[in-house]
Protein backbone atom coordinates (compact mmCIF):
# COMPACT_ATOMS: atom_id res chain seq x y z
CA MET A 1 31.81 18.61 -2.27
CA SER A 2 34.54 19.27 0.04
CA ALA A 3 35.59 17.02 2.82
CA GLN A 4 33.63 18.78 5.59
CA ALA A 5 30.60 18.87 3.89
CA GLN A 6 30.73 15.30 3.34
CA MET A 7 31.39 14.58 6.85
CA ARG A 8 28.58 16.66 7.48
CA ALA A 9 26.21 14.62 5.32
CA MET A 10 26.89 11.36 6.72
CA LEU A 11 26.12 12.49 10.25
CA ASP A 12 22.99 13.88 8.98
CA GLN A 13 21.86 10.87 7.34
CA LEU A 14 22.84 8.88 10.60
CA MET A 15 21.32 11.39 12.90
CA GLY A 16 18.52 12.94 11.70
CA THR A 17 17.47 16.83 11.97
CA SER A 18 18.65 17.24 15.54
CA ARG A 19 22.10 15.80 15.38
CA ASP A 20 23.24 18.72 16.67
CA GLY A 21 20.26 20.25 18.69
CA ASP A 22 19.13 22.89 15.73
CA THR A 23 15.78 24.20 16.19
CA THR A 24 15.94 25.51 12.58
CA ARG A 25 16.20 22.54 10.25
CA GLN A 26 13.15 20.87 12.06
CA ARG A 27 11.22 23.67 10.76
CA ILE A 28 9.97 21.65 7.77
CA LYS A 29 9.03 17.46 8.86
CA PHE A 30 9.62 14.87 6.57
CA SER A 31 6.15 13.96 6.57
CA ASP A 32 5.69 17.66 4.96
CA ASP A 33 4.20 17.21 1.17
CA ARG A 34 6.96 19.81 0.20
CA VAL A 35 9.51 16.80 0.34
CA CYS A 36 10.47 13.85 -1.78
CA LYS A 37 9.24 10.61 -0.66
CA SER A 38 10.95 8.94 -3.44
CA HIS A 39 14.16 10.78 -1.79
CA LEU A 40 13.20 9.27 1.51
CA LEU A 41 12.95 5.54 0.08
CA ASN A 42 16.21 6.34 -2.24
CA CYS A 43 15.03 6.15 -5.19
CA CYS A 44 14.22 9.24 -6.66
CA PRO A 45 15.02 9.07 -10.53
CA HIS A 46 17.18 12.92 -9.90
CA ASP A 47 19.19 11.24 -7.72
CA VAL A 48 19.71 7.70 -9.09
CA LEU A 49 20.40 9.30 -12.46
CA SER A 50 22.58 12.03 -11.55
CA GLY A 51 25.40 13.11 -13.37
CA THR A 52 24.82 10.73 -16.65
CA ARG A 53 23.40 11.95 -19.83
CA MET A 54 20.17 12.22 -18.78
CA ASP A 55 20.82 14.00 -15.65
CA LEU A 56 17.29 16.19 -14.00
CA GLY A 57 18.65 18.71 -12.33
CA GLU A 58 17.77 19.27 -8.33
CA CYS A 59 14.35 17.27 -7.83
CA LEU A 60 11.63 20.11 -7.46
CA LYS A 61 11.02 18.65 -4.10
CA VAL A 62 13.45 18.56 -0.07
CA HIS A 63 15.78 16.75 -0.33
CA ASP A 64 17.10 16.01 2.39
CA LEU A 65 19.38 13.35 4.20
CA ALA A 66 19.26 14.13 7.69
CA LEU A 67 14.50 14.03 7.08
CA ARG A 68 15.36 10.49 5.31
CA ALA A 69 17.54 9.78 9.08
CA ASP A 70 14.27 10.97 10.40
CA TYR A 71 11.92 8.72 8.30
CA GLU A 72 13.89 5.60 9.34
CA ILE A 73 13.92 6.01 12.36
CA ALA A 74 9.93 6.85 12.58
CA SER A 75 9.33 4.22 9.98
CA LYS A 76 10.03 1.95 12.57
CA ASP A 77 7.58 2.30 15.12
CA GLN A 78 4.77 3.93 12.34
CA ASP A 79 3.86 2.79 8.85
CA PHE A 80 3.55 6.50 6.29
CA PHE A 81 2.83 4.32 3.28
CA PHE A 82 4.79 6.91 1.96
CA GLU A 83 5.86 3.44 -0.62
CA LEU A 84 2.54 4.82 -2.83
CA ASP A 85 3.98 8.22 -3.37
CA ALA A 86 6.73 7.01 -4.59
CA MET A 87 5.62 4.37 -7.05
CA ASP A 88 3.58 7.06 -8.48
CA HIS A 89 6.35 9.21 -8.91
CA LEU A 90 8.69 6.27 -10.47
CA GLN A 91 5.85 4.98 -12.87
CA SER A 92 4.83 8.37 -14.32
CA PHE A 93 8.81 8.56 -14.73
CA ILE A 94 9.21 5.23 -16.17
CA ALA A 95 5.85 6.20 -18.26
CA ASP A 96 7.63 9.41 -20.12
CA CYS A 97 10.99 7.14 -20.81
CA ASP A 98 9.29 4.31 -22.40
CA ARG A 99 6.98 6.51 -24.51
CA ARG A 100 10.46 7.96 -25.50
CA THR A 101 11.55 4.86 -26.54
CA GLU A 102 8.44 4.48 -29.14
CA VAL A 103 9.26 8.08 -30.72
CA ALA A 104 12.17 6.83 -31.24
CA LYS A 105 11.72 2.96 -32.88
CA LYS A 106 9.09 4.83 -34.61
CA ARG A 107 11.38 7.68 -35.95
CA LEU A 108 14.16 4.58 -36.69
CA ALA A 109 11.64 2.71 -38.95
CA GLU A 110 11.20 5.66 -40.46
CA THR A 111 14.35 6.38 -41.27
CA GLN A 112 16.18 3.22 -41.59
CA GLU A 113 16.35 0.85 -44.83
CA GLU A 114 12.94 -1.00 -44.87
CA ILE A 115 14.20 -4.86 -44.51
CA SER A 116 12.09 -8.28 -44.94
CA ALA A 117 10.91 -9.78 -41.66
CA GLU A 118 12.97 -12.37 -42.07
CA VAL A 119 16.43 -10.60 -42.29
CA ALA A 120 14.81 -8.44 -39.02
CA ALA A 121 14.63 -11.47 -36.79
CA LYS A 122 18.78 -12.26 -37.78
CA ALA A 123 19.28 -8.70 -37.83
CA GLU A 124 17.63 -8.77 -33.90
CA ARG A 125 19.27 -12.34 -33.27
CA VAL A 126 22.71 -10.25 -33.87
CA HIS A 127 21.50 -7.47 -31.13
CA GLU A 128 20.50 -9.38 -29.18
CA LEU A 129 24.17 -11.36 -28.37
CA ASN A 130 25.14 -7.44 -28.48
CA GLU A 131 23.30 -7.02 -25.58
CA GLU A 132 24.38 -10.55 -23.95
CA ILE A 133 28.06 -9.99 -24.46
CA GLY A 134 27.80 -6.15 -23.08
CA LYS A 135 25.96 -7.43 -19.65
CA LEU A 136 28.93 -9.85 -19.61
CA LEU A 137 31.37 -7.82 -19.95
CA ALA A 138 30.09 -5.65 -17.49
CA LYS A 139 29.73 -8.04 -15.04
CA VAL A 140 33.27 -9.23 -15.24
CA GLU A 141 34.60 -5.11 -14.90
CA GLN A 142 33.07 -5.31 -11.87
CA LEU A 143 33.75 -8.94 -10.14
CA GLY A 144 37.59 -7.69 -10.81
CA ALA A 145 37.28 -4.37 -9.26
CA ASP A 146 35.55 -6.71 -5.93
CA GLY A 147 38.78 -8.80 -6.12
CA ASN A 148 36.75 -12.22 -7.44
CA VAL A 149 39.73 -12.90 -10.12
CA GLU A 150 37.78 -16.95 -10.63
CA GLU A 151 34.38 -15.99 -10.74
CA SER A 152 35.73 -13.34 -13.25
CA GLN A 153 37.21 -15.82 -15.40
CA LYS A 154 34.40 -18.35 -15.61
CA VAL A 155 32.34 -15.21 -16.73
CA MET A 156 35.26 -14.71 -19.40
CA ASP A 157 34.53 -17.98 -20.56
CA GLU A 158 30.66 -17.89 -20.92
CA VAL A 159 31.74 -14.10 -23.30
CA GLU A 160 34.40 -16.10 -25.35
CA LYS A 161 31.59 -18.54 -26.13
CA ALA A 162 28.79 -15.76 -26.43
CA ARG A 163 31.65 -14.15 -28.72
CA VAL A 164 30.97 -17.13 -30.84
CA LYS A 165 27.82 -17.38 -31.44
CA LYS A 166 27.93 -13.53 -32.88
CA ARG A 167 29.83 -14.48 -35.89
CA GLU A 168 28.11 -17.08 -36.87
CA ALA A 169 24.14 -14.38 -36.32
CA GLU A 170 26.60 -12.25 -37.73
CA GLU A 171 27.98 -13.77 -41.04
CA VAL A 172 24.06 -15.63 -41.42
CA TYR A 173 22.94 -11.77 -41.74
CA ARG A 174 25.37 -11.12 -43.73
CA ASN A 175 24.63 -13.54 -46.67
CA SER A 176 20.76 -12.85 -46.29
CA MET A 177 21.74 -8.94 -47.43
CA PRO A 178 23.26 -7.10 -50.05
CA ALA A 179 26.60 -6.09 -49.25
CA SER A 180 26.19 -2.45 -48.96
CA SER A 181 23.00 -2.97 -46.56
CA PHE A 182 25.23 -4.81 -44.40
CA GLN A 183 27.90 -1.81 -44.43
CA GLN A 184 25.46 0.39 -42.89
CA GLN A 185 24.79 0.72 -39.47
CA LYS A 186 21.71 -1.21 -37.59
CA LEU A 187 20.43 1.06 -34.93
CA ARG A 188 17.94 -0.62 -32.32
CA VAL A 189 16.81 1.27 -28.83
CA CYS A 190 17.85 0.14 -25.87
CA GLU A 191 14.26 -1.27 -23.77
CA VAL A 192 16.05 0.00 -20.60
CA CYS A 193 17.35 3.13 -21.07
CA SER A 194 16.28 4.21 -24.36
CA ALA A 195 19.59 4.75 -25.74
CA TYR A 196 20.54 3.61 -29.72
CA LEU A 197 22.45 0.78 -29.78
CA GLY A 198 24.18 -0.30 -33.04
CA LEU A 199 24.48 -3.36 -35.12
CA HIS A 200 28.38 -3.68 -35.32
CA ASP A 201 28.83 -1.88 -32.15
CA ASN A 202 32.16 -3.20 -30.22
CA ASP A 203 32.82 -5.05 -27.40
CA ARG A 204 34.32 -2.10 -25.52
CA ARG A 205 31.01 0.18 -26.95
CA LEU A 206 29.13 -2.27 -25.19
CA ALA A 207 30.49 -3.19 -22.44
CA ASP A 208 30.04 0.86 -21.51
CA HIS A 209 26.48 0.75 -22.66
CA PHE A 210 25.20 -2.23 -20.52
CA GLY A 211 27.86 -1.42 -17.58
CA GLY A 212 27.37 2.64 -17.18
CA LYS A 213 26.15 5.06 -14.72
CA LEU A 214 22.58 5.24 -16.98
CA HIS A 215 21.72 2.04 -18.02
CA LEU A 216 22.28 0.58 -14.48
CA GLY A 217 19.97 3.74 -13.13
CA PHE A 218 17.70 2.92 -14.82
CA ILE A 219 17.83 -0.78 -14.19
CA GLU A 220 17.51 0.58 -10.11
CA ILE A 221 14.59 2.28 -11.12
CA ARG A 222 12.79 -0.03 -12.72
CA GLU A 223 13.43 -2.52 -10.00
CA LYS A 224 12.60 -0.61 -7.53
CA LEU A 225 9.29 0.30 -9.16
CA GLU A 226 8.24 -3.59 -9.62
CA GLU A 227 9.64 -3.85 -6.00
CA LEU A 228 6.83 -0.93 -4.54
CA ARG A 229 4.25 -2.28 -6.62
CA ARG A 230 4.83 -5.48 -4.65
CA ILE A 231 5.05 -3.54 -1.25
CA VAL A 232 1.90 -1.54 -2.30
CA ALA A 233 0.12 -4.26 -3.20
CA ASP A 234 0.29 -6.51 -0.12
CA LYS A 235 -0.08 -3.58 2.35
CA GLN A 236 -2.79 -2.68 0.45
CA GLU A 237 -4.46 -6.65 0.83
CA LYS A 238 -3.07 -5.66 4.50
CA ARG A 239 -5.50 -2.84 4.83
CA ASN A 240 -8.49 -4.45 3.08
CA GLN A 241 -8.19 -7.46 5.24
CA GLU A 242 -8.04 -5.34 8.63
CA ARG A 243 -10.64 -2.72 6.88
CA LEU A 244 -13.39 -5.80 6.45
CA LYS A 245 -11.94 -7.53 9.97
CA ARG A 246 -13.00 -4.26 11.53
CA ARG A 247 -16.19 -3.75 9.84
CA GLU A 248 -17.43 -7.75 11.02
CA GLU A 249 -16.52 -6.52 14.61
CA ARG A 250 -19.21 -3.82 14.34
CA GLU A 251 -21.41 -5.83 12.65
CA ARG A 252 -20.68 -9.33 15.32
CA GLU A 253 -21.64 -5.99 17.44
CA GLU A 254 -24.24 -4.91 16.26
CA ARG A 255 -26.24 -7.99 16.61
CA GLU A 256 -24.55 -8.67 19.79
CA LYS A 257 -26.15 -5.21 20.98
CA LEU A 258 -29.76 -5.95 19.35
CA ARG A 259 -30.04 -9.47 21.09
CA ARG A 260 -29.39 -8.08 24.23
CA SER A 261 -31.93 -4.91 23.55
CA SER A 262 -34.53 -7.86 22.27
CA LYS A 263 -33.06 -10.27 25.35
CA GLU A 264 -34.19 -7.27 28.32
CA ARG A 265 -37.23 -6.38 26.29
CA SER A 266 -38.86 -9.84 26.06
CA SER A 267 -37.21 -10.08 29.68
CA ARG A 268 -39.06 -6.85 30.77
CA ASP A 269 -42.46 -7.69 29.14
CA LYS A 270 -43.01 -11.28 30.50
CA GLU A 271 -41.60 -9.05 34.38
CA ARG A 272 -45.01 -6.96 33.08
CA SER A 273 -46.98 -10.35 33.15
CA ARG A 274 -46.08 -11.26 35.72
CA ASP A 275 -47.34 -8.37 37.75
CA ARG A 276 -50.40 -8.30 36.69
CA ASP A 277 -51.08 -11.95 36.95
CA ARG A 278 -49.51 -11.66 40.38
CA THR A 279 -52.04 -8.88 41.35
CA SER A 280 -55.28 -10.52 39.85
CA ARG A 281 -54.17 -13.61 42.43
CA ASP A 282 -53.74 -10.83 45.15
CA LYS A 283 -57.31 -9.63 44.54
CA ASP A 284 -59.33 -13.00 43.64
CA ARG A 285 -57.41 -13.65 47.54
CA SER A 286 -58.03 -11.00 49.21
CA SER A 287 -62.31 -11.06 47.71
CA ARG A 288 -62.37 -14.56 49.05
CA GLU A 289 -61.08 -13.85 52.52
CA ARG A 290 -63.55 -11.31 53.40
CA SER A 291 -65.39 -11.97 56.76
CA PRO A 292 -69.33 -12.41 56.94
CA ARG A 293 -68.65 -9.74 59.66
CA ASP A 294 -68.26 -7.99 57.52
CA PHE A 295 -70.40 -8.74 54.81
CA LYS A 296 -73.21 -8.03 57.58
CA ASP A 297 -71.36 -4.30 58.29
CA LYS A 298 -72.33 -3.26 54.58
CA LYS A 299 -75.05 -4.28 55.06
CA ARG A 300 -76.62 -2.53 57.17
CA SER A 301 -74.53 0.22 56.36
CA TYR A 302 -76.72 0.25 52.51
CA GLU A 303 -80.19 -0.89 54.32
CA SER A 304 -79.36 2.60 56.91
CA ALA A 305 -78.49 4.38 53.67
CA ASN A 306 -81.54 3.48 51.56
CA GLY A 307 -83.90 4.31 55.06
CA ARG A 308 -84.82 1.34 56.07
CA SER A 309 -85.41 1.29 60.35
CA GLU A 310 -83.23 -1.27 62.55
CA GLU A 311 -84.58 -4.56 63.94
CA PRO A 312 -87.41 -4.26 66.68
CA ARG A 313 -86.96 -2.80 70.12
CA SER A 314 -87.94 -5.11 72.49
CA SER A 315 -90.41 -3.96 75.45
CA GLU A 316 -88.00 -3.11 77.85
CA GLU A 317 -86.24 -1.20 75.95
CA ARG A 318 -89.41 0.97 74.95
CA GLU A 319 -90.53 1.92 78.53
CA ALA A 320 -87.30 3.05 78.96
CA GLY A 321 -87.60 5.27 75.76
CA GLU A 322 -90.74 6.63 77.16
CA ILE A 323 -89.65 7.18 80.56
């Protein structure tokens, strides 16, 4: 990559797709399904293992540092939950690697000379010490590169102690096997990166393996997977709690609504009952308050309607009527 391309990539990573007003690059968003979510979280195996013996080539999905910058900016205000997609991706990749490791173990078991369980345990002890020495030597080189000489010397003291233990374990293993069998290279498969390790590998070979980009890349991927699992579990638990809280709030609101409705219905029933009682009392009061004159008028009207004569008139009224 040229210096200009490196500068462009750095600007993309810092400022995103709109750093220079280029609208053509904004046609695809970081949330698009075509964009690699593992790349946005800086853990895509295609990036991590690039340039190693297990280089996976170009990822089938879009990788763009500017889109990663866009995502990092947007994720400060909104949770896109891309950790779930990245976790699924890494889980699938690690599962494939573990299957290859098991296949390699079976192949070694079929091709190498069979040994007893006791001898196998002694050989495994030598392998364990080889791994410890390799990791310590890789750490020494890293500390030396960082300029931490004093700490590097302390780790070298641990390397020397591990070498003494290894020589003792090799002696125990040698005495438990015939000389011809001991000279044969006993291989094992690295549980981290599926590479083959020899029982008689020297320190340089061990340091190159455990401090190499392939082994460290697999460690990075596996550690990132565990981190994503924790993050996803925490976020799912938080979402479940929020969902449960919202459901409880809806149920409480529904109960409150039913309670208010029942209370209003009861209040309306009481009001109607009071209205009926009031109407009945008004009728009774009206009946009791009627005057005697009203009663006589009503009686007269009734008698007139039934053909009854009026009260007898006096003699003067009759004479006046005859005239």
